[in-house]
Amino acid sequence: MNTLVAVAIAPVGVGDELVEYVSEIIRVIRASGLPSRTNSMFTEIEGEWDEVMAVVKEATAVLADRGIRTEVVLKADIRPGYEGMMERKVRVVNETLGEDVAVAPAAGASA
C-alpha cells in the first residue's frame, strides 16, 4: 500500500539550535533508500506503509534512545495503486498553474 508521509522529528528541551539533532535524523531517513525529500519544515518519505513507518520509528529512536524527549509530527497520504506521488503532486499543480517547472527527483528515487 503506497504511502507518502511528511514527518518532522525534533528534540524538545535541548536548546535553540537543533541542526545537529535534525541532521542525524535526516541521515537515517536518507540511508533507508526510500525516496525522500527534505524542506524547511518536513521530510517527505514514500514507499510501502510498513517500510515508511519502520524508517519513521528508526529515525525517532535516534533521539529517544538517548533519553531525549522527542516530538513527532506526521501527516500521511495512503493511496493504493499509485507510486511516485511525491513528484507527481507537485508536477500536476505546476501544470495546472501553467508553469514549466522541473521537479527535482527525491533522494533515493530513480530518475
Protein backbone atom coordinates (compact mmCIF):
# COMPACT_ATOMS: atom_id res chain seq x y z
CA MET A 1 0.00 0.00 0.00
CA ASN A 2 1.82 3.12 -1.21
CA THR A 3 2.25 5.72 1.49
CA LEU A 4 3.58 9.27 1.35
CA VAL A 5 4.35 10.88 4.70
CA ALA A 6 5.51 14.29 5.72
CA VAL A 7 7.31 13.95 9.05
CA ALA A 8 9.04 16.34 11.40
CA ILE A 9 11.05 14.75 14.21
CA ALA A 10 12.70 17.09 16.68
CA PRO A 11 14.13 17.08 20.19
CA VAL A 12 12.45 19.01 22.97
CA GLY A 13 14.33 20.80 25.73
CA VAL A 14 17.82 20.73 24.23
CA GLY A 15 18.22 24.42 23.47
CA ASP A 16 17.59 26.65 20.49
CA GLU A 17 19.91 25.13 17.88
CA LEU A 18 18.59 21.81 16.57
CA VAL A 19 20.58 21.34 13.36
CA GLU A 20 22.87 18.61 14.72
CA TYR A 21 19.93 16.56 16.03
CA VAL A 22 17.83 17.04 12.91
CA SER A 23 20.79 16.17 10.68
CA GLU A 24 21.18 12.83 12.48
CA ILE A 25 17.50 12.09 11.88
CA ILE A 26 17.66 13.01 8.20
CA ARG A 27 20.78 10.86 7.77
CA VAL A 28 18.79 7.81 8.95
CA ILE A 29 15.90 8.64 6.60
CA ARG A 30 18.17 9.07 3.59
CA ALA A 31 20.11 5.89 4.39
CA SER A 32 16.86 3.93 4.21
CA GLY A 33 16.95 4.03 0.41
CA LEU A 34 13.30 5.09 0.23
CA PRO A 35 12.51 8.16 -1.86
CA SER A 36 12.68 11.20 0.39
CA ARG A 37 12.83 14.96 0.14
CA THR A 38 13.65 17.44 2.90
CA ASN A 39 12.38 21.00 3.03
CA SER A 40 12.50 23.63 5.76
CA MET A 41 9.67 22.12 7.83
CA PHE A 42 9.30 18.41 6.99
CA THR A 43 10.91 15.45 5.33
CA GLU A 44 8.70 13.51 2.92
CA ILE A 45 9.18 9.76 2.62
CA GLU A 46 7.43 7.50 0.11
CA GLY A 47 7.10 3.72 -0.01
CA GLU A 48 5.11 0.82 1.33
CA TRP A 49 3.36 1.55 4.66
CA ASP A 50 5.44 -0.85 6.76
CA GLU A 51 8.72 0.34 5.24
CA VAL A 52 7.90 4.02 5.73
CA MET A 53 6.74 3.54 9.30
CA ALA A 54 9.86 1.49 10.11
CA VAL A 55 12.01 4.41 8.90
CA VAL A 56 10.00 6.87 11.00
CA LYS A 57 10.46 4.60 14.03
CA GLU A 58 14.20 4.24 13.42
CA ALA A 59 14.63 7.99 12.90
CA THR A 60 12.68 8.74 16.09
CA ALA A 61 14.86 6.31 18.02
CA VAL A 62 17.95 8.37 17.15
CA LEU A 63 16.88 10.79 19.87
CA ALA A 64 14.51 8.80 22.07
CA ASP A 65 17.03 6.00 22.65
CA ARG A 66 19.38 8.64 24.12
CA GLY A 67 16.72 9.73 26.60
CA ILE A 68 15.86 12.91 24.69
CA ARG A 69 12.22 13.93 24.70
CA THR A 70 11.19 13.69 21.06
CA GLU A 71 8.31 15.32 19.20
CA VAL A 72 6.98 13.68 16.03
CA VAL A 73 4.54 15.41 13.67
CA LEU A 74 3.36 13.14 10.88
CA LYS A 75 0.90 13.52 8.03
CA ALA A 76 0.19 10.51 5.80
CA ASP A 77 -1.40 10.08 2.37
CA ILE A 78 -2.18 6.42 1.70
CA ARG A 79 -3.05 5.84 -1.95
CA PRO A 80 -3.09 2.19 -3.02
CA GLY A 81 -2.06 1.57 -6.61
CA TYR A 82 -0.07 4.78 -7.02
CA GLU A 83 3.68 5.41 -6.89
CA GLY A 84 5.87 8.46 -7.39
CA MET A 85 3.33 10.75 -5.78
CA MET A 86 5.98 12.95 -4.18
CA GLU A 87 6.97 14.32 -7.58
CA ARG A 88 3.64 13.84 -9.36
CA LYS A 89 1.63 16.02 -6.97
CA VAL A 90 3.95 18.99 -7.44
CA ARG A 91 4.15 18.48 -11.22
CA VAL A 92 0.34 18.41 -11.58
CA VAL A 93 -0.04 21.64 -9.59
CA ASN A 94 2.64 23.35 -11.70
CA GLU A 95 0.96 22.15 -14.90
CA THR A 96 -2.39 23.45 -13.66
CA LEU A 97 -0.78 26.81 -12.97
CA GLY A 98 0.72 26.78 -16.47
CA GLU A 99 4.25 26.73 -15.14
CA ASP A 100 7.00 24.76 -16.82
CA VAL A 101 8.91 23.99 -13.64
CA ALA A 102 11.08 20.90 -13.37
CA VAL A 103 10.60 18.96 -10.16
CA ALA A 104 13.83 17.72 -8.67
CA PRO A 105 13.74 13.96 -8.09
CA ALA A 106 13.58 12.82 -4.50
CA ALA A 107 16.64 11.33 -2.85
CA GLY A 108 16.60 7.59 -3.48
CA ALA A 109 14.20 7.89 -6.43
CA SER A 110 15.24 6.63 -9.81
CA ALA A 111 15.35 9.40 -12.38
